[in-house]
């Protein structure tokens, strides 16, 4: 028994986990509740209106009899017709009237009233509630609505008579009984129809989700071009599909970058490894002098250094992309840092016939990671010196723009074509693909600069014109804690 109960609970849990089942259950419950409330409200309104109609009928009869007793007390034919004959003409709604004199002796009584009602009970129940209709059961168990009232006889009044009136509610009760049958019939029909209709509605409503799931199942690392068609979907699902498509666009772009990165890194690692292997094979092909072996070792060492630098740069890029990388922020005088970098690169710039200068508006001190910033600006200076012909110039500048530290490296070099600008921060990207690794670098310098800026919460902008020069701007925003990132010197 316990195993069957556990299995049933597990099956229900799986069933309840289905969105279609939940939608069906909630729709059926809402529809049944609405049908129940609607039919119950109609039943209450019908009951109230029938009772109100009966009370109005009793009040009208009492008013007619009072008027006749007051204005025509001696018109016995009219009174007899009202009391004894009119009710006999009614087929479906029988009412009974008894007229008592001031000594409680019957004067006129509707035929059959004594057979239907206990008149003594009627008198007792209506004694303390004159002119107010009440419910009462007859001798055969049928329902009646009864009332009692006094009437002045003559003008001026000579006596006070008592009027007792009762109306048979059998037809009304029959009508309500038939309505209750319809009521339960409608509820049972709704109980059968609503879940079926709810399931069909839920199935149609969740069909786009099934189509989206089928599409996502077809998406693999080799098939990232698959997209979800949003035409014909509801706005909420269309928005979800559009968001998912954008995510796939980003994934596809990331996979393409990884593929290019894998190909580039394989090529860039293969070149120095092949060089080392080739040098070693040539050296071992025959006996050589000590000087020749030294040349081979120096060449292998040079390639090993390049390989080490490449691996170091790749590890550094991985570090900049890690969310757990911690910045060693300290107070850095940006102006002094640019001056130190100018002195460091001034010799290599002068060797190439290039002027390297700094242009600082005023001393600026900021909370930065000194080592990382030195590496970023150093990469920009190295690129500028490499791509600037003799006689050109490289200018380092810093300024404060709306609590943002801006560092610029301007050169008068060969420039970058417009079609290449969007990709200059990609790994291993070289504007001139014909350059070798020795002359063109690894293609990781600007990628490292961008990674350092992202770590600081900033960004790097680049503008260039072929034959005119390039300007790279590093922008470092204020600290997230609300403190100003720029500290007066």
Protein backbone atom coordinates (compact mmCIF):
# COMPACT_ATOMS: atom_id res chain seq x y z
CA UNK A 1 0.00 0.00 0.00
CA UNK A 2 2.76 2.44 0.90
CA UNK A 3 4.57 1.66 -2.38
CA UNK A 4 1.37 2.29 -4.39
CA UNK A 5 0.77 5.53 -2.52
CA UNK A 6 4.33 6.71 -3.15
CA UNK A 7 4.01 5.80 -6.83
CA UNK A 8 0.74 7.72 -7.07
CA UNK A 9 2.27 10.76 -5.42
CA UNK A 10 5.27 10.62 -7.73
CA UNK A 11 3.01 10.29 -10.79
CA UNK A 12 0.92 13.25 -9.64
CA UNK A 13 4.07 15.29 -9.03
CA UNK A 14 5.26 14.57 -12.56
CA UNK A 15 1.81 15.40 -13.93
CA UNK A 16 1.62 18.64 -11.93
CA UNK A 17 5.04 19.57 -13.29
CA UNK A 18 3.51 19.75 -16.77
CA UNK A 19 2.59 23.28 -17.86
CA UNK A 20 -0.30 21.92 -19.97
CA UNK A 21 -1.73 20.09 -16.97
CA UNK A 22 -1.48 23.19 -14.78
CA UNK A 23 -3.13 25.39 -17.38
CA UNK A 24 -5.88 22.80 -17.86
CA UNK A 25 -6.46 22.50 -14.11
CA UNK A 26 -6.57 26.26 -13.53
CA UNK A 27 -8.81 26.87 -16.55
CA UNK A 28 -11.22 24.10 -15.51
CA UNK A 29 -11.31 25.38 -11.92
CA UNK A 30 -11.91 28.97 -13.05
CA UNK A 31 -14.60 27.95 -15.53
CA UNK A 32 -16.39 25.73 -13.00
CA UNK A 33 -16.24 28.47 -10.38
CA UNK A 34 -17.67 30.98 -12.86
CA UNK A 35 -20.48 28.61 -13.91
CA UNK A 36 -21.30 27.81 -10.28
CA UNK A 37 -21.38 31.47 -9.26
CA UNK A 38 -23.49 32.42 -12.29
CA UNK A 39 -26.10 29.69 -11.79
CA UNK A 40 -26.17 30.16 -8.00
CA UNK A 41 -26.65 33.91 -8.49
CA UNK A 42 -29.51 33.29 -10.91
CA UNK A 43 -31.10 30.87 -8.43
CA UNK A 44 -30.86 33.40 -5.59
CA UNK A 45 -32.26 36.17 -7.79
CA UNK A 46 -35.16 33.94 -8.90
CA UNK A 47 -35.92 32.93 -5.30
CA UNK A 48 -35.84 36.54 -4.12
CA UNK A 49 -38.03 37.78 -6.96
CA UNK A 50 -40.62 35.03 -6.45
CA UNK A 51 -40.81 35.80 -2.73
CA UNK A 52 -41.05 39.52 -3.47
CA UNK A 53 -43.79 38.92 -6.04
CA UNK A 54 -45.76 36.81 -3.55
CA UNK A 55 -45.45 39.44 -0.81
CA UNK A 56 -46.61 42.15 -3.21
CA UNK A 57 -49.60 40.00 -4.17
CA UNK A 58 -50.54 39.50 -0.49
CA UNK A 59 -50.18 43.22 0.22
CA UNK A 60 -52.33 44.05 -2.80
CA UNK A 61 -55.08 41.65 -1.67
CA UNK A 62 -55.07 43.05 1.82
CA UNK A 63 -55.30 46.58 0.45
CA UNK A 64 -58.28 45.64 -1.77
CA UNK A 65 -60.15 43.99 1.12
CA UNK A 66 -59.48 46.90 3.47
CA UNK A 67 -60.77 49.35 0.90
CA UNK A 68 -63.93 47.33 0.30
CA UNK A 69 -64.64 46.98 4.03
CA UNK A 70 -64.13 50.67 4.57
CA UNK A 71 -66.02 52.03 1.57
CA UNK A 72 -68.60 49.26 0.86
CA UNK A 73 -69.09 47.28 4.04
CA UNK A 74 -72.58 46.17 3.01
CA UNK A 75 -71.65 44.95 -0.47
CA UNK A 76 -71.57 41.26 0.47
CA UNK A 77 -71.72 40.06 -3.10
CA UNK A 78 -68.48 41.87 -3.92
CA UNK A 79 -66.82 40.63 -0.73
CA UNK A 80 -67.98 37.04 -1.39
CA UNK A 81 -66.67 37.22 -4.92
CA UNK A 82 -63.27 38.49 -3.72
CA UNK A 83 -62.98 35.95 -0.90
CA UNK A 84 -64.77 32.85 -2.12
CA UNK A 85 -64.92 32.96 -5.90
CA UNK A 86 -61.78 34.64 -7.30
CA UNK A 87 -59.37 32.06 -5.97
CA UNK A 88 -61.37 29.28 -7.59
CA UNK A 89 -60.68 30.87 -10.97
CA UNK A 90 -56.92 30.63 -10.42
CA UNK A 91 -55.53 27.34 -11.65
CA UNK A 92 -51.86 27.53 -10.72
CA UNK A 93 -51.70 30.03 -7.85
CA UNK A 94 -54.25 29.25 -5.15
CA UNK A 95 -54.79 31.67 -2.30
CA UNK A 96 -57.13 31.50 0.69
CA UNK A 97 -58.79 34.31 2.67
CA UNK A 98 -60.73 34.29 5.92
CA UNK A 99 -62.59 37.34 7.24
CA UNK A 100 -63.24 37.48 11.02
CA UNK A 101 -65.42 39.98 12.85
CA UNK A 102 -64.39 41.80 15.95
CA UNK A 103 -65.34 38.77 18.07
CA UNK A 104 -63.12 36.50 15.93
CA UNK A 105 -66.13 34.78 14.39
CA UNK A 106 -65.72 33.75 10.73
CA UNK A 107 -67.66 35.94 8.36
CA UNK A 108 -66.34 34.75 4.99
CA UNK A 109 -63.90 31.90 4.24
CA UNK A 110 -62.45 30.65 0.98
CA UNK A 111 -63.66 27.09 0.33
CA UNK A 112 -61.05 24.45 1.23
CA UNK A 113 -59.01 26.72 3.49
CA UNK A 114 -59.73 24.63 6.58
CA UNK A 115 -58.61 21.50 4.69
CA UNK A 116 -55.28 23.05 3.70
CA UNK A 117 -54.27 25.03 6.78
CA UNK A 118 -54.34 24.75 10.55
CA UNK A 119 -56.17 28.01 11.19
CA UNK A 120 -55.35 28.07 14.89
CA UNK A 121 -51.65 27.78 14.07
CA UNK A 122 -52.02 30.52 11.47
CA UNK A 123 -53.58 32.79 14.08
CA UNK A 124 -50.80 32.09 16.59
CA UNK A 125 -47.94 32.62 14.16
CA UNK A 126 -49.34 35.88 12.74
CA UNK A 127 -50.63 37.39 15.98
CA UNK A 128 -47.40 39.30 16.77
CA UNK A 129 -46.54 40.13 13.16
CA UNK A 130 -49.45 42.01 11.59
CA UNK A 131 -49.16 42.96 7.92
CA UNK A 132 -45.87 41.01 7.61
CA UNK A 133 -45.93 37.86 5.47
CA UNK A 134 -44.33 34.73 6.95
CA UNK A 135 -43.72 31.18 5.79
CA UNK A 136 -45.88 28.33 7.04
CA UNK A 137 -46.47 24.66 6.22
CA UNK A 138 -49.93 23.33 5.46
CA UNK A 139 -51.58 20.18 6.74
CA UNK A 140 -50.19 18.16 3.78
CA UNK A 141 -46.68 19.60 4.12
CA UNK A 142 -46.99 22.12 1.31
CA UNK A 143 -45.48 25.60 1.69
CA UNK A 144 -47.62 28.68 2.23
CA UNK A 145 -46.97 32.37 2.55
CA UNK A 146 -49.42 33.79 5.15
CA UNK A 147 -50.28 37.21 6.55
CA UNK A 148 -52.71 38.80 9.00
CA UNK A 149 -54.15 42.34 8.99
CA UNK A 150 -56.90 44.37 10.63
CA UNK A 151 -59.48 46.37 8.65
CA UNK A 152 -61.81 49.17 9.72
CA UNK A 153 -65.40 48.58 8.65
CA UNK A 154 -67.47 51.55 7.42
CA UNK A 155 -67.00 55.29 7.29
CA UNK A 156 -66.89 56.31 10.06
CA UNK A 157 -65.69 52.87 11.30
CA UNK A 158 -68.18 50.91 13.33
CA UNK A 159 -65.99 47.85 14.02
CA UNK A 160 -62.64 46.29 13.30
CA UNK A 161 -62.44 43.01 11.38
CA UNK A 162 -59.47 40.67 10.93
CA UNK A 163 -58.26 39.42 7.58
CA UNK A 164 -56.21 36.19 7.29
CA UNK A 165 -54.70 35.41 3.91
CA UNK A 166 -52.53 32.56 2.65
CA UNK A 167 -51.09 31.73 -0.77
CA UNK A 168 -50.02 28.24 -1.87
CA UNK A 169 -46.36 28.16 -3.01
CA UNK A 170 -46.47 24.69 -4.58
CA UNK A 171 -46.04 26.01 -8.12
CA UNK A 172 -43.17 28.27 -7.11
CA UNK A 173 -41.45 25.43 -5.27
CA UNK A 174 -41.93 23.22 -8.31
CA UNK A 175 -40.35 25.90 -10.48
CA UNK A 176 -37.38 26.19 -8.09
CA UNK A 177 -37.02 22.40 -8.00
CA UNK A 178 -36.85 22.26 -11.78
CA UNK A 179 -34.30 25.08 -11.75
CA UNK A 180 -32.16 23.15 -9.25
CA UNK A 181 -32.21 20.14 -11.55
CA UNK A 182 -31.03 22.35 -14.40
CA UNK A 183 -28.48 23.88 -12.06
CA UNK A 184 -26.88 20.55 -11.20
CA UNK A 185 -27.15 19.42 -14.80
CA UNK A 186 -25.24 22.48 -15.96
CA UNK A 187 -22.57 21.93 -13.29
CA UNK A 188 -22.13 18.28 -14.26
CA UNK A 189 -21.93 19.22 -17.96
CA UNK A 190 -19.40 21.96 -17.12
CA UNK A 191 -17.42 19.45 -15.06
CA UNK A 192 -17.17 17.23 -18.13
CA UNK A 193 -16.65 19.93 -20.77
CA UNK A 194 -14.35 22.43 -19.01
CA UNK A 195 -11.35 20.09 -18.52
CA UNK A 196 -11.56 18.97 -22.15
CA UNK A 197 -11.82 22.56 -23.38
CA UNK A 198 -9.07 23.61 -20.98
CA UNK A 199 -6.76 20.87 -22.22
CA UNK A 200 -7.34 21.86 -25.85
CA UNK A 201 -6.71 25.53 -25.05
CA UNK A 202 -3.57 24.65 -23.06
CA UNK A 203 -2.34 22.39 -25.86
CA UNK A 204 -2.80 25.12 -28.45
CA UNK A 205 -1.28 27.71 -26.11
CA UNK A 206 1.82 25.63 -25.37
CA UNK A 207 2.32 24.50 -28.97
CA UNK A 208 4.79 27.39 -29.61
CA UNK A 209 6.78 26.22 -26.58
CA UNK A 210 6.94 22.72 -28.02
CA UNK A 211 8.11 24.15 -31.34
CA UNK A 212 10.74 26.23 -29.55
CA UNK A 213 11.89 23.14 -27.64
CA UNK A 214 12.12 21.16 -30.89
CA UNK A 215 14.22 23.93 -32.42
CA UNK A 216 16.57 24.09 -29.43
CA UNK A 217 17.05 20.31 -29.55
CA UNK A 218 18.38 20.69 -33.09
CA UNK A 219 20.96 23.26 -31.96
CA UNK A 220 24.43 21.85 -31.39
CA UNK A 221 27.95 23.21 -31.45
CA UNK A 222 28.02 22.29 -35.15
CA UNK A 223 24.61 23.83 -35.88
CA UNK A 224 24.47 27.24 -34.24
CA UNK A 225 22.80 28.88 -37.22
CA UNK A 226 19.39 27.45 -36.29
CA UNK A 227 16.92 30.14 -35.17
CA UNK A 228 13.40 30.21 -33.73
CA UNK A 229 10.84 31.70 -36.09
CA UNK A 230 8.82 34.31 -34.18
CA UNK A 231 6.09 34.87 -36.78
CA UNK A 232 2.62 34.03 -35.48
CA UNK A 233 3.69 33.70 -31.86
CA UNK A 234 2.00 35.65 -29.02
CA UNK A 235 3.90 38.77 -28.03
CA UNK A 236 5.26 37.20 -24.81
CA UNK A 237 6.61 34.12 -26.59
CA UNK A 238 7.80 36.20 -29.53
CA UNK A 239 9.83 38.30 -27.08
CA UNK A 240 11.23 35.13 -25.49
CA UNK A 241 12.10 33.71 -28.91
CA UNK A 242 13.77 36.96 -29.96
CA UNK A 243 15.80 37.00 -26.74
CA UNK A 244 16.80 33.37 -27.30
CA UNK A 245 17.82 34.17 -30.89
CA UNK A 246 19.99 37.02 -29.65
CA UNK A 247 21.61 34.64 -27.18
CA UNK A 248 22.28 32.23 -30.05
CA UNK A 249 23.80 35.10 -32.03
CA UNK A 250 26.18 35.78 -29.15
CA UNK A 251 26.97 32.09 -28.78
CA UNK A 252 27.61 31.72 -32.49
CA UNK A 253 29.87 34.75 -32.43
CA UNK A 254 31.69 33.35 -29.38
CA UNK A 255 32.14 29.95 -31.04
CA UNK A 256 33.45 31.61 -34.17
CA UNK A 257 35.88 33.63 -32.07
CA UNK A 258 36.98 30.48 -30.26
CA UNK A 259 37.44 28.68 -33.57
CA UNK A 260 39.48 31.55 -34.96
CA UNK A 261 41.38 31.78 -31.69
CA UNK A 262 42.15 28.04 -31.76
CA UNK A 263 43.35 28.27 -35.35
CA UNK A 264 45.41 31.39 -34.67
CA UNK A 265 46.98 30.05 -31.50
CA UNK A 266 47.80 26.76 -33.23
CA UNK A 267 49.49 28.69 -36.04
CA UNK A 268 51.33 31.07 -33.72
CA UNK A 269 52.53 28.27 -31.47
CA UNK A 270 53.46 26.05 -34.39
CA UNK A 271 55.76 28.64 -35.96
CA UNK A 272 58.29 28.96 -33.09
CA UNK A 273 58.04 25.23 -32.33
CA UNK A 274 58.79 24.38 -35.97
CA UNK A 275 61.63 26.88 -35.99
CA UNK A 276 63.17 25.29 -32.90
CA UNK A 277 62.69 21.82 -34.36
CA UNK A 278 64.16 22.84 -37.74
CA UNK A 279 67.18 24.48 -36.16
CA UNK A 280 67.80 21.41 -34.01
CA UNK A 281 67.41 19.00 -36.93
CA UNK A 282 69.80 21.01 -39.08
CA UNK A 283 72.31 21.22 -36.25
CA UNK A 284 72.17 17.46 -35.69
CA UNK A 285 72.40 16.59 -39.39
CA UNK A 286 76.21 16.70 -39.24
CA UNK A 287 79.02 17.66 -36.94
CA UNK A 288 79.40 21.40 -36.44
CA UNK A 289 81.77 23.82 -34.76
CA UNK A 290 81.16 25.29 -31.33
CA UNK A 291 80.28 28.67 -32.87
CA UNK A 292 77.69 27.04 -35.15
CA UNK A 293 76.13 25.22 -32.21
CA UNK A 294 76.09 28.53 -30.29
CA UNK A 295 74.25 30.20 -33.18
CA UNK A 296 71.68 27.37 -33.19
CA UNK A 297 71.18 27.65 -29.43
CA UNK A 298 70.78 31.42 -29.64
CA UNK A 299 68.19 31.03 -32.40
CA UNK A 300 66.32 28.39 -30.38
CA UNK A 301 66.48 30.62 -27.29
CA UNK A 302 65.02 33.51 -29.29
CA UNK A 303 62.12 31.35 -30.47
CA UNK A 304 61.62 30.02 -26.94
CA UNK A 305 61.41 33.59 -25.62
CA UNK A 306 58.75 34.43 -28.22
CA UNK A 307 56.85 31.28 -27.30
CA UNK A 308 57.07 32.16 -23.62
CA UNK A 309 55.84 35.70 -24.27
CA UNK A 310 52.93 34.37 -26.32
CA UNK A 311 51.90 31.93 -23.58
CA UNK A 312 52.30 34.67 -20.96
CA UNK A 313 50.06 37.00 -22.96
CA UNK A 314 47.42 34.30 -23.36
CA UNK A 315 47.45 33.56 -19.63
CA UNK A 316 47.15 37.27 -18.92
CA UNK A 317 44.14 37.54 -21.25
CA UNK A 318 42.53 34.60 -19.44
CA UNK A 319 43.13 36.45 -16.17
CA UNK A 320 41.50 39.64 -17.43
CA UNK A 321 38.37 37.67 -18.46
CA UNK A 322 38.02 35.97 -15.07
CA UNK A 323 35.32 37.52 -12.79
CA UNK A 324 37.46 36.64 -9.75
CA UNK A 325 40.45 38.76 -10.77
CA UNK A 326 41.31 41.23 -8.01
CA UNK A 327 42.69 44.67 -8.80
CA UNK A 328 45.42 46.08 -6.60
CA UNK A 329 44.14 49.64 -6.64
CA UNK A 330 46.35 52.40 -5.35
CA UNK A 331 46.77 56.15 -5.72
CA UNK A 332 48.44 56.58 -9.09
CA UNK A 333 49.69 59.86 -10.49
CA UNK A 334 48.71 59.36 -14.12
CA UNK A 335 50.86 62.26 -15.29
CA UNK A 336 53.96 60.82 -13.60
CA UNK A 337 53.16 57.36 -14.97
CA UNK A 338 53.02 58.73 -18.53
CA UNK A 339 56.32 60.54 -17.95
CA UNK A 340 57.98 57.32 -16.79
CA UNK A 341 56.66 55.43 -19.82
CA UNK A 342 57.94 58.19 -22.10
CA UNK A 343 61.43 57.81 -20.67
CA UNK A 344 61.28 54.01 -21.03
CA UNK A 345 60.25 54.03 -24.71
CA UNK A 346 62.11 57.18 -25.70
CA UNK A 347 65.25 55.31 -26.75
CA UNK A 348 63.45 52.90 -29.09
CA UNK A 349 61.40 55.79 -30.51
CA UNK A 350 64.54 57.85 -31.15
CA UNK A 351 66.16 54.84 -32.81
CA UNK A 352 63.29 54.82 -35.31
CA UNK A 353 63.44 58.57 -35.83
CA UNK A 354 60.13 59.17 -33.98
CA UNK A 355 59.37 61.97 -31.53
CA UNK A 356 57.76 60.73 -28.25
CA UNK A 357 56.29 63.50 -26.03
CA UNK A 358 53.68 63.96 -23.29
CA UNK A 359 50.92 66.56 -23.05
CA UNK A 360 49.27 66.71 -19.62
CA UNK A 361 46.76 69.43 -18.67
CA UNK A 362 47.29 69.13 -14.90
CA UNK A 363 48.41 66.48 -12.41
CA UNK A 364 45.75 63.76 -12.04
CA UNK A 365 45.78 61.14 -9.28
CA UNK A 366 43.39 58.18 -9.52
CA UNK A 367 42.65 54.84 -7.79
CA UNK A 368 44.06 52.36 -10.34
CA UNK A 369 46.09 49.17 -10.66
CA UNK A 370 49.50 50.66 -11.51
CA UNK A 371 51.01 47.52 -13.05
CA UNK A 372 48.05 46.81 -15.32
CA UNK A 373 47.75 50.43 -16.44
CA UNK A 374 51.47 50.53 -17.25
CA UNK A 375 51.06 47.42 -19.38
CA UNK A 376 48.03 48.83 -21.23
CA UNK A 377 49.63 52.18 -22.04
CA UNK A 378 52.95 50.45 -22.80
CA UNK A 379 51.25 48.22 -25.39
CA UNK A 380 49.69 51.30 -27.03
CA UNK A 381 53.06 53.13 -27.14
CA UNK A 382 54.80 50.04 -28.57
CA UNK A 383 52.15 49.73 -31.31
CA UNK A 384 52.34 53.45 -32.10
CA UNK A 385 56.16 53.41 -32.39
CA UNK A 386 56.06 50.24 -34.51
CA UNK A 387 53.55 51.65 -37.02
CA UNK A 388 54.85 55.22 -37.25
CA UNK A 389 57.41 55.92 -40.01
CA UNK A 390 60.60 57.89 -39.32
CA UNK A 391 59.97 61.59 -38.85
CA UNK A 392 56.58 60.96 -37.22
CA UNK A 393 55.49 61.64 -33.66
CA UNK A 394 53.72 59.91 -30.77
CA UNK A 395 52.02 62.08 -28.13
CA UNK A 396 50.84 60.87 -24.72
CA UNK A 397 48.08 62.92 -23.06
CA UNK A 398 45.83 62.74 -20.00
CA UNK A 399 42.87 64.80 -18.86
CA UNK A 400 39.79 64.67 -16.64
CA UNK A 401 36.41 64.62 -18.37
CA UNK A 402 33.33 64.59 -16.08
CA UNK A 403 35.07 62.65 -13.28
CA UNK A 404 36.53 60.25 -15.83
CA UNK A 405 40.25 59.82 -16.37
CA UNK A 406 41.08 59.90 -20.09
CA UNK A 407 44.49 58.73 -21.35
CA UNK A 408 45.27 59.24 -25.04
CA UNK A 409 48.01 57.88 -27.28
CA UNK A 410 48.18 59.76 -30.61
CA UNK A 411 50.49 58.87 -33.45
CA UNK A 412 51.09 60.04 -37.02
CA UNK A 413 51.54 56.51 -38.30
CA UNK A 414 50.18 54.60 -41.27
CA UNK A 415 46.66 54.40 -39.81
CA UNK A 416 44.11 51.60 -39.85
CA UNK A 417 41.58 50.96 -42.67
CA UNK A 418 37.94 51.57 -41.65
CA UNK A 419 36.95 47.94 -42.34
CA UNK A 420 39.62 46.72 -39.92
CA UNK A 421 38.73 49.01 -36.99
CA UNK A 422 35.90 46.80 -35.56
CA UNK A 423 38.32 43.86 -35.26
CA UNK A 424 41.50 45.46 -33.96
CA UNK A 425 40.73 44.28 -30.41
CA UNK A 426 40.27 40.65 -31.48
CA UNK A 427 42.95 38.19 -30.45
CA UNK A 428 45.65 37.47 -33.04
CA UNK A 429 44.15 40.00 -35.44
CA UNK A 430 46.72 41.84 -37.54
CA UNK A 431 45.80 44.64 -39.92
CA UNK A 432 48.61 43.59 -42.25
CA UNK A 433 48.39 39.80 -42.43
CA UNK A 434 51.58 39.64 -44.43
CA UNK A 435 53.61 40.72 -41.39
CA UNK A 436 55.51 37.97 -39.67
CA UNK A 437 55.44 37.43 -35.96
CA UNK A 438 58.83 39.05 -35.68
CA UNK A 439 57.76 42.25 -37.37
CA UNK A 440 54.05 42.34 -36.64
CA UNK A 441 53.80 41.03 -33.07
CA UNK A 442 51.40 38.36 -31.82
CA UNK A 443 48.21 40.33 -32.39
CA UNK A 444 47.40 40.27 -28.65
CA UNK A 445 48.46 43.77 -27.62
CA UNK A 446 45.15 45.59 -28.14
CA UNK A 447 43.18 42.60 -26.80
CA UNK A 448 45.20 42.90 -23.59
CA UNK A 449 44.51 46.66 -23.44
CA UNK A 450 40.78 46.06 -23.78
CA UNK A 451 40.87 43.36 -21.08
CA UNK A 452 42.63 45.71 -18.65
CA UNK A 453 40.07 48.43 -19.28
CA UNK A 454 37.19 46.01 -18.69
CA UNK A 455 38.78 44.97 -15.39
CA UNK A 456 38.79 48.64 -14.34
CA UNK A 457 35.18 49.06 -15.48
CA UNK A 458 36.25 51.36 -18.30
CA UNK A 459 36.52 51.17 -22.05
CA UNK A 460 38.91 51.83 -24.89
CA UNK A 461 38.04 53.88 -28.00
CA UNK A 462 40.01 54.02 -31.21
CA UNK A 463 39.89 56.40 -34.17
CA UNK A 464 42.14 56.21 -37.19
CA UNK A 465 42.66 57.49 -40.74
CA UNK A 466 44.90 55.78 -43.25
CA UNK A 467 48.05 57.87 -43.87
CA UNK A 468 47.14 60.35 -41.10
CA UNK A 469 47.45 58.47 -37.83
CA UNK A 470 45.63 56.76 -34.95
CA UNK A 471 44.25 57.97 -31.63
CA UNK A 472 43.50 55.47 -28.84
CA UNK A 473 41.67 56.72 -25.74
CA UNK A 474 41.46 54.88 -22.43
CA UNK A 475 38.48 55.94 -20.27
CA UNK A 476 38.37 55.00 -16.60
CA UNK A 477 35.04 55.74 -14.85
CA UNK A 478 34.35 56.74 -11.26
CA UNK A 479 34.35 54.02 -8.61
CA UNK A 480 31.09 52.06 -8.18
CA UNK A 481 30.97 52.82 -4.45
CA UNK A 482 30.18 56.42 -5.25
CA UNK A 483 33.64 57.79 -4.48
CA UNK A 484 35.19 59.91 -7.14
CA UNK A 485 37.80 57.99 -9.06
CA UNK A 486 39.67 61.23 -9.63
CA UNK A 487 41.48 62.56 -6.60
CA UNK A 488 42.91 66.10 -6.65
CA UNK A 489 46.68 66.10 -6.55
